[in-house]
């Protein structure tokens, strides 16, 4: 029998995020892991209907391919978490939140530990609810 993954990506968040990023979207790697620009190649644990392309939103666990960065990282595939999205989404308090750019933080293992030691720019509060270890290294949570 296959061993189940230990990552908790299905934890509920206190917002109703909208579909912000498609597969193939090019986004910024906002941490100091060595990657600068990455492309989303898949959404882990994402829900979609038949014949509809998957999408990612804030605090989602995604697979990314490094497009620009350190030469030894180029072309490699990593797990990542979406920490910012341009498209506005609604929080339960009624406020709408959007950021200036789309960004991810690269993960180093299945437990959700980040590869880098710091994240440049803000991180959404929804990421803190689902990925505590990623929000811990952020400059500030918005």
C-alpha atoms as a PDB file:
ATOM      1  CA  UNK A   1       0.000   0.000   0.000  1.00  0.00           C
ATOM      2  CA  UNK A   2       1.304   3.457  -0.872  1.00  0.00           C
ATOM      3  CA  UNK A   3       2.496   5.694   1.948  1.00  0.00           C
ATOM      4  CA  UNK A   4       0.408   8.813   2.439  1.00  0.00           C
ATOM      5  CA  UNK A   5       2.085  12.206   2.188  1.00  0.00           C
ATOM      6  CA  UNK A   6       2.588  14.022   5.479  1.00  0.00           C
ATOM      7  CA  UNK A   7       1.955  17.493   4.077  1.00  0.00           C
ATOM      8  CA  UNK A   8      -1.173  19.336   5.172  1.00  0.00           C
ATOM      9  CA  UNK A   9      -2.350  21.248   2.125  1.00  0.00           C
ATOM     10  CA  UNK A  10      -6.062  20.674   2.606  1.00  0.00           C
ATOM     11  CA  UNK A  11      -6.349  22.767   5.765  1.00  0.00           C
ATOM     12  CA  UNK A  12      -9.154  25.306   5.551  1.00  0.00           C
ATOM     13  CA  UNK A  13      -8.411  29.016   5.284  1.00  0.00           C
ATOM     14  CA  UNK A  14     -10.597  31.922   6.374  1.00  0.00           C
ATOM     15  CA  UNK A  15     -11.176  33.415   2.914  1.00  0.00           C
ATOM     16  CA  UNK A  16     -12.804  32.644  -0.415  1.00  0.00           C
ATOM     17  CA  UNK A  17      -9.834  32.869  -2.816  1.00  0.00           C
ATOM     18  CA  UNK A  18     -10.557  33.298  -6.514  1.00  0.00           C
ATOM     19  CA  UNK A  19      -8.827  31.439  -9.324  1.00  0.00           C
ATOM     20  CA  UNK A  20      -5.709  33.541  -9.629  1.00  0.00           C
ATOM     21  CA  UNK A  21      -3.099  31.560 -11.587  1.00  0.00           C
ATOM     22  CA  UNK A  22      -3.330  29.112 -14.465  1.00  0.00           C
ATOM     23  CA  UNK A  23      -0.992  26.256 -15.231  1.00  0.00           C
ATOM     24  CA  UNK A  24       1.835  27.771 -17.261  1.00  0.00           C
ATOM     25  CA  UNK A  25       1.764  31.086 -15.401  1.00  0.00           C
ATOM     26  CA  UNK A  26       5.190  32.650 -14.909  1.00  0.00           C
ATOM     27  CA  UNK A  27       5.598  33.993 -11.368  1.00  0.00           C
ATOM     28  CA  UNK A  28       8.318  35.412  -9.106  1.00  0.00           C
ATOM     29  CA  UNK A  29      10.115  33.217  -6.570  1.00  0.00           C
ATOM     30  CA  UNK A  30      10.078  35.637  -3.663  1.00  0.00           C
ATOM     31  CA  UNK A  31      12.508  33.811  -1.373  1.00  0.00           C
ATOM     32  CA  UNK A  32      16.308  33.550  -1.361  1.00  0.00           C
ATOM     33  CA  UNK A  33      16.425  29.906  -2.494  1.00  0.00           C
ATOM     34  CA  UNK A  34      18.290  30.757  -5.726  1.00  0.00           C
ATOM     35  CA  UNK A  35      15.328  30.722  -8.131  1.00  0.00           C
ATOM     36  CA  UNK A  36      14.133  34.074  -9.479  1.00  0.00           C
ATOM     37  CA  UNK A  37      11.391  33.299 -12.006  1.00  0.00           C
ATOM     38  CA  UNK A  38       9.398  30.046 -12.072  1.00  0.00           C
ATOM     39  CA  UNK A  39       6.561  28.556 -14.130  1.00  0.00           C
ATOM     40  CA  UNK A  40       3.621  26.760 -12.505  1.00  0.00           C
ATOM     41  CA  UNK A  41       3.376  23.225 -13.914  1.00  0.00           C
ATOM     42  CA  UNK A  42       0.753  21.676 -11.653  1.00  0.00           C
ATOM     43  CA  UNK A  43      -1.467  22.106  -8.607  1.00  0.00           C
ATOM     44  CA  UNK A  44      -1.188  19.481  -5.866  1.00  0.00           C
ATOM     45  CA  UNK A  45      -4.498  18.644  -4.248  1.00  0.00           C
ATOM     46  CA  UNK A  46      -6.349  21.075  -6.507  1.00  0.00           C
ATOM     47  CA  UNK A  47      -9.968  20.507  -7.396  1.00  0.00           C
ATOM     48  CA  UNK A  48     -11.272  20.913 -10.916  1.00  0.00           C
ATOM     49  CA  UNK A  49     -13.956  19.427 -13.122  1.00  0.00           C
ATOM     50  CA  UNK A  50     -13.515  17.245 -16.164  1.00  0.00           C
ATOM     51  CA  UNK A  51     -12.085  18.982 -19.244  1.00  0.00           C
ATOM     52  CA  UNK A  52     -11.233  22.115 -17.239  1.00  0.00           C
ATOM     53  CA  UNK A  53      -7.673  23.247 -16.700  1.00  0.00           C
ATOM     54  CA  UNK A  54      -6.489  23.353 -13.103  1.00  0.00           C
ATOM     55  CA  UNK A  55      -5.813  26.658 -11.382  1.00  0.00           C
ATOM     56  CA  UNK A  56      -3.926  27.872  -8.327  1.00  0.00           C
ATOM     57  CA  UNK A  57      -4.859  30.439  -5.704  1.00  0.00           C
ATOM     58  CA  UNK A  58      -3.354  31.898  -2.522  1.00  0.00           C
ATOM     59  CA  UNK A  59      -1.902  29.295  -0.088  1.00  0.00           C
ATOM     60  CA  UNK A  60      -2.067  26.484  -2.683  1.00  0.00           C
ATOM     61  CA  UNK A  61       0.636  23.841  -2.989  1.00  0.00           C
ATOM     62  CA  UNK A  62       1.979  23.905  -6.571  1.00  0.00           C
ATOM     63  CA  UNK A  63       4.705  22.282  -8.660  1.00  0.00           C
ATOM     64  CA  UNK A  64       7.028  24.804 -10.324  1.00  0.00           C
ATOM     65  CA  UNK A  65       9.816  24.659 -12.884  1.00  0.00           C
ATOM     66  CA  UNK A  66      12.691  27.139 -12.523  1.00  0.00           C
ATOM     67  CA  UNK A  67      13.022  29.391 -15.600  1.00  0.00           C
ATOM     68  CA  UNK A  68      15.580  31.925 -14.297  1.00  0.00           C
ATOM     69  CA  UNK A  69      17.969  31.705 -11.368  1.00  0.00           C
ATOM     70  CA  UNK A  70      21.125  29.864 -10.320  1.00  0.00           C
ATOM     71  CA  UNK A  71      22.513  27.735 -13.170  1.00  0.00           C
ATOM     72  CA  UNK A  72      22.306  24.508 -11.152  1.00  0.00           C
ATOM     73  CA  UNK A  73      18.603  25.127 -10.397  1.00  0.00           C
ATOM     74  CA  UNK A  74      17.490  25.971 -13.957  1.00  0.00           C
ATOM     75  CA  UNK A  75      15.002  23.481 -15.364  1.00  0.00           C
ATOM     76  CA  UNK A  76      14.529  21.672 -12.057  1.00  0.00           C
ATOM     77  CA  UNK A  77      11.065  21.027 -10.630  1.00  0.00           C
ATOM     78  CA  UNK A  78      10.229  21.951  -7.030  1.00  0.00           C
ATOM     79  CA  UNK A  79       7.202  22.166  -4.764  1.00  0.00           C
ATOM     80  CA  UNK A  80       6.118  25.702  -3.850  1.00  0.00           C
ATOM     81  CA  UNK A  81       3.385  27.676  -2.099  1.00  0.00           C
ATOM     82  CA  UNK A  82       1.552  30.627  -3.668  1.00  0.00           C
ATOM     83  CA  UNK A  83       2.079  33.535  -1.250  1.00  0.00           C
ATOM     84  CA  UNK A  84       0.690  36.464  -3.312  1.00  0.00           C
ATOM     85  CA  UNK A  85      -1.717  36.873  -6.234  1.00  0.00           C
ATOM     86  CA  UNK A  86      -2.732  39.911  -8.287  1.00  0.00           C
ATOM     87  CA  UNK A  87      -6.350  38.904  -8.667  1.00  0.00           C
ATOM     88  CA  UNK A  88      -8.523  40.203  -5.795  1.00  0.00           C
ATOM     89  CA  UNK A  89     -10.091  37.690  -3.418  1.00  0.00           C
ATOM     90  CA  UNK A  90     -12.590  38.137  -0.597  1.00  0.00           C
ATOM     91  CA  UNK A  91     -11.937  37.579   3.096  1.00  0.00           C
ATOM     92  CA  UNK A  92     -14.703  36.614   5.518  1.00  0.00           C
ATOM     93  CA  UNK A  93     -14.559  40.110   7.033  1.00  0.00           C
ATOM     94  CA  UNK A  94     -15.811  41.466   3.701  1.00  0.00           C
ATOM     95  CA  UNK A  95     -12.585  43.122   2.614  1.00  0.00           C
ATOM     96  CA  UNK A  96     -11.019  42.365  -0.749  1.00  0.00           C
ATOM     97  CA  UNK A  97      -7.292  41.722  -0.950  1.00  0.00           C
ATOM     98  CA  UNK A  98      -4.917  41.838  -3.925  1.00  0.00           C
ATOM     99  CA  UNK A  99      -1.170  42.248  -4.296  1.00  0.00           C
ATOM    100  CA  UNK A 100       1.121  43.965  -6.817  1.00  0.00           C
ATOM    101  CA  UNK A 101       2.522  40.693  -8.163  1.00  0.00           C
ATOM    102  CA  UNK A 102       2.133  36.922  -8.237  1.00  0.00           C
ATOM    103  CA  UNK A 103       4.740  35.163  -6.100  1.00  0.00           C
ATOM    104  CA  UNK A 104       5.635  31.754  -4.685  1.00  0.00           C
ATOM    105  CA  UNK A 105       7.957  30.419  -1.972  1.00  0.00           C
ATOM    106  CA  UNK A 106       9.918  27.246  -2.826  1.00  0.00           C
ATOM    107  CA  UNK A 107       9.633  24.264  -0.451  1.00  0.00           C
ATOM    108  CA  UNK A 108      12.481  21.842   0.273  1.00  0.00           C
ATOM    109  CA  UNK A 109      10.526  18.828   1.575  1.00  0.00           C
ATOM    110  CA  UNK A 110       7.062  17.272   1.885  1.00  0.00           C
ATOM    111  CA  UNK A 111       6.568  18.643   5.386  1.00  0.00           C
ATOM    112  CA  UNK A 112       6.223  22.207   4.060  1.00  0.00           C
ATOM    113  CA  UNK A 113       9.583  23.595   5.185  1.00  0.00           C
ATOM    114  CA  UNK A 114      10.809  26.461   2.970  1.00  0.00           C
ATOM    115  CA  UNK A 115      14.062  26.156   0.996  1.00  0.00           C
ATOM    116  CA  UNK A 116      15.076  29.775   1.586  1.00  0.00           C
ATOM    117  CA  UNK A 117      15.700  31.573   4.870  1.00  0.00           C
ATOM    118  CA  UNK A 118      13.744  34.764   4.166  1.00  0.00           C
ATOM    119  CA  UNK A 119      10.875  35.971   1.951  1.00  0.00           C
ATOM    120  CA  UNK A 120      10.967  39.382   0.297  1.00  0.00           C
ATOM    121  CA  UNK A 121       7.728  41.346   0.471  1.00  0.00           C
ATOM    122  CA  UNK A 122       4.411  40.615   2.159  1.00  0.00           C
ATOM    123  CA  UNK A 123       2.741  37.234   2.591  1.00  0.00           C
ATOM    124  CA  UNK A 124      -1.036  36.730   2.672  1.00  0.00           C
ATOM    125  CA  UNK A 125      -2.613  35.895   6.042  1.00  0.00           C
ATOM    126  CA  UNK A 126      -4.180  32.794   4.474  1.00  0.00           C
ATOM    127  CA  UNK A 127      -0.668  31.403   3.907  1.00  0.00           C
ATOM    128  CA  UNK A 128       0.049  31.803   7.633  1.00  0.00           C
ATOM    129  CA  UNK A 129      -3.057  29.772   8.492  1.00  0.00           C
ATOM    130  CA  UNK A 130      -2.117  26.866   6.229  1.00  0.00           C
ATOM    131  CA  UNK A 131       1.705  27.077   6.062  1.00  0.00           C
ATOM    132  CA  UNK A 132       3.044  28.332   9.402  1.00  0.00           C
ATOM    133  CA  UNK A 133       6.696  27.570   8.634  1.00  0.00           C
ATOM    134  CA  UNK A 134       6.559  29.647   5.403  1.00  0.00           C
ATOM    135  CA  UNK A 135       4.988  32.655   7.131  1.00  0.00           C
ATOM    136  CA  UNK A 136       7.612  32.451   9.899  1.00  0.00           C
ATOM    137  CA  UNK A 137      10.393  33.575   7.542  1.00  0.00           C
ATOM    138  CA  UNK A 138       8.341  36.368   5.913  1.00  0.00           C
ATOM    139  CA  UNK A 139       9.128  40.059   6.405  1.00  0.00           C
ATOM    140  CA  UNK A 140       5.504  40.727   7.286  1.00  0.00           C
ATOM    141  CA  UNK A 141       2.074  39.123   6.935  1.00  0.00           C
ATOM    142  CA  UNK A 142      -0.718  41.175   5.356  1.00  0.00           C
END
